[in-house]
Amino acid sequence: MTFERFEDVPVWKDAVKLTAAVFKLTEDGRFRFKGDIANQIQRAALSVPNNIAEGFERGTTQELITFLYYARGSAGEVRSIFAVMEQMPVFDDLKSQILDLKAQAEAISRQIRGWTNSLQNSKISGQRHLNDKSKRMFEQGKKRKEFAETLKQYWQPKE
């Protein structure tokens, strides 16, 4: 499936939800006087959807892949900070929230990895590399594939 806007990409939407949840969690008073942990996890979480958006808005598939790796790295940073928080007694009664958000960050990492893998195997080099001829060829290929799938639905081999 292709997307016209990064706002339509499911992993971007999930990353925005994670970021909002991180900001809500860090409003808790226990984050005061705990160094820079609230700011660090907020910045790491915010980096995930922002890197997805920036990569999407670039003009090549390779640039998108690069920014997806940055986003995945930031999701890993979020998980790492949550792992540290799990070891801090002051956050003991937030463990279920921490585990849930950590799982969300891991799911986002998996989605990004899957998307990156599919992009690496794509024949499309990105919008910047598409000219009218390559766009037509790509669209024709998509139509041929769709037609072949339609034929498969109606054609049953005789036994």
Protein backbone atom coordinates (compact mmCIF):
# COMPACT_ATOMS: atom_id res chain seq x y z
CA MET A 1 0.00 0.00 0.00
CA THR A 2 1.25 3.47 -0.79
CA PHE A 3 0.48 6.61 1.14
CA GLU A 4 0.16 10.16 -0.15
CA ARG A 5 0.86 11.84 3.19
CA PHE A 6 2.83 10.81 6.26
CA GLU A 7 -0.25 11.58 8.36
CA ASP A 8 -1.91 8.54 6.76
CA VAL A 9 0.88 6.10 7.70
CA PRO A 10 -0.23 3.81 10.56
CA VAL A 11 3.18 3.69 12.27
CA TRP A 12 3.34 7.50 12.31
CA LYS A 13 -0.10 7.58 13.98
CA ASP A 14 1.07 5.02 16.56
CA ALA A 15 4.22 7.05 17.23
CA VAL A 16 2.15 10.19 17.81
CA LYS A 17 -0.01 8.31 20.33
CA LEU A 18 3.11 7.03 22.09
CA THR A 19 4.56 10.54 22.24
CA ALA A 20 1.36 12.00 23.69
CA ALA A 21 1.29 9.22 26.30
CA VAL A 22 4.93 9.87 27.24
CA PHE A 23 4.23 13.58 27.72
CA LYS A 24 1.19 12.76 29.86
CA LEU A 25 3.18 10.29 31.98
CA THR A 26 6.02 12.74 32.55
CA GLU A 27 3.61 15.32 33.98
CA ASP A 28 3.68 13.17 37.13
CA GLY A 29 5.44 14.94 40.00
CA ARG A 30 7.83 12.03 40.53
CA PHE A 31 9.76 13.16 37.48
CA ARG A 32 10.85 16.34 39.26
CA PHE A 33 14.32 16.19 40.71
CA LYS A 34 15.14 13.04 38.71
CA GLY A 35 17.66 14.73 36.49
CA ASP A 36 16.83 15.10 32.86
CA ILE A 37 14.90 11.83 32.47
CA ALA A 38 11.54 13.46 31.63
CA ASN A 39 13.07 15.76 29.03
CA GLN A 40 15.16 12.95 27.53
CA ILE A 41 12.28 10.52 27.11
CA GLN A 42 10.04 13.29 25.75
CA ARG A 43 12.65 14.23 23.13
CA ALA A 44 13.27 10.59 22.19
CA ALA A 45 9.55 9.87 21.85
CA LEU A 46 8.96 13.04 19.81
CA SER A 47 11.84 12.08 17.54
CA VAL A 48 10.04 8.92 16.38
CA PRO A 49 7.09 10.49 14.52
CA ASN A 50 9.20 13.50 13.49
CA ASN A 51 11.80 11.32 11.78
CA ILE A 52 9.09 9.30 10.04
CA ALA A 53 7.56 12.55 8.79
CA GLU A 54 10.86 14.04 7.69
CA GLY A 55 11.92 10.90 5.85
CA PHE A 56 8.55 10.68 4.14
CA GLU A 57 8.82 14.27 2.95
CA ARG A 58 12.27 13.71 1.46
CA GLY A 59 12.50 12.84 -2.20
CA THR A 60 14.14 9.43 -2.31
CA THR A 61 13.48 6.00 -0.93
CA GLN A 62 17.01 5.88 0.47
CA GLU A 63 16.44 9.08 2.45
CA LEU A 64 13.17 7.67 3.79
CA ILE A 65 14.98 4.49 4.85
CA THR A 66 17.68 6.54 6.59
CA PHE A 67 15.12 8.52 8.59
CA LEU A 68 13.19 5.36 9.41
CA TYR A 69 16.39 4.01 10.95
CA TYR A 70 16.68 7.22 13.00
CA ALA A 71 13.05 6.79 14.11
CA ARG A 72 13.69 3.18 15.05
CA GLY A 73 16.76 4.22 17.02
CA SER A 74 14.69 6.77 18.92
CA ALA A 75 12.06 4.13 19.69
CA GLY A 76 14.89 2.01 21.11
CA GLU A 77 16.02 4.97 23.20
CA VAL A 78 12.49 5.28 24.60
CA ARG A 79 12.53 1.59 25.55
CA SER A 80 15.94 1.96 27.15
CA ILE A 81 14.82 4.89 29.30
CA PHE A 82 11.74 2.95 30.37
CA ALA A 83 14.03 0.03 31.34
CA VAL A 84 16.01 2.40 33.56
CA MET A 85 12.78 3.72 35.08
CA GLU A 86 11.71 0.15 35.88
CA GLN A 87 14.78 -0.12 38.12
CA MET A 88 13.98 3.08 40.02
CA PRO A 89 11.82 2.52 43.13
CA VAL A 90 10.24 5.97 42.80
CA PHE A 91 8.41 4.72 39.68
CA ASP A 92 7.24 1.37 41.15
CA ASP A 93 3.54 2.24 41.05
CA LEU A 94 3.87 3.32 37.40
CA LYS A 95 5.25 -0.08 36.29
CA SER A 96 2.13 -1.15 34.40
CA GLN A 97 2.07 2.13 32.44
CA ILE A 98 5.81 1.89 31.82
CA LEU A 99 5.49 -1.71 30.56
CA ASP A 100 2.57 -0.77 28.30
CA LEU A 101 4.41 2.19 26.77
CA LYS A 102 7.57 0.15 26.40
CA ALA A 103 5.55 -2.50 24.51
CA GLN A 104 4.09 0.23 22.28
CA ALA A 105 7.59 1.48 21.48
CA GLU A 106 8.66 -2.07 20.63
CA ALA A 107 5.65 -2.55 18.34
CA ILE A 108 6.56 0.69 16.58
CA SER A 109 10.12 -0.58 16.11
CA ARG A 110 8.78 -3.76 14.52
CA GLN A 111 6.51 -1.78 12.19
CA ILE A 112 9.39 0.44 11.13
CA ARG A 113 11.61 -2.59 10.54
CA GLY A 114 8.94 -4.18 8.35
CA TRP A 115 8.42 -0.99 6.37
CA THR A 116 12.17 -0.55 5.93
CA ASN A 117 12.52 -4.13 4.70
CA SER A 118 9.78 -3.63 2.12
CA LEU A 119 11.34 -0.36 0.93
CA GLN A 120 14.74 -1.97 0.54
CA ASN A 121 13.21 -4.52 -1.81
CA SER A 122 11.26 -1.91 -3.78
CA LYS A 123 12.02 -1.02 -7.39
CA ILE A 124 10.93 2.57 -6.79
CA SER A 125 13.82 4.93 -6.03
CA GLY A 126 11.57 7.64 -4.68
CA GLN A 127 9.55 10.57 -5.91
CA ARG A 128 12.61 12.60 -6.85
CA HIS A 129 13.69 9.86 -9.27
CA LEU A 130 10.32 9.37 -10.94
CA ASN A 131 9.84 10.93 -14.35
CA ASP A 132 6.68 10.66 -16.45
CA LYS A 133 7.84 7.47 -18.17
CA SER A 134 8.81 5.66 -14.95
CA LYS A 135 5.55 6.75 -13.31
CA ARG A 136 3.55 5.33 -16.23
CA MET A 137 5.54 2.09 -16.15
CA PHE A 138 5.01 1.74 -12.41
CA GLU A 139 1.26 2.39 -12.72
CA GLN A 140 1.00 -0.10 -15.61
CA GLY A 141 2.78 -2.71 -13.52
CA LYS A 142 0.36 -2.13 -10.66
CA LYS A 143 -2.62 -2.46 -13.02
CA ARG A 144 -1.20 -5.68 -14.51
CA LYS A 145 -0.74 -7.13 -11.04
CA GLU A 146 -4.28 -6.14 -10.01
CA PHE A 147 -5.68 -7.66 -13.22
CA ALA A 148 -3.77 -10.90 -12.63
CA GLU A 149 -5.19 -11.07 -9.09
CA THR A 150 -8.71 -10.55 -10.47
CA LEU A 151 -8.19 -13.35 -12.98
CA LYS A 152 -7.02 -15.70 -10.24
CA GLN A 153 -10.29 -15.15 -8.39
CA TYR A 154 -12.35 -16.33 -11.37
CA TRP A 155 -10.13 -19.01 -12.79
CA GLN A 156 -10.24 -22.36 -11.10
CA PRO A 157 -8.07 -25.17 -12.54
CA LYS A 158 -10.02 -28.30 -13.54
CA GLU A 159 -9.20 -31.40 -11.57
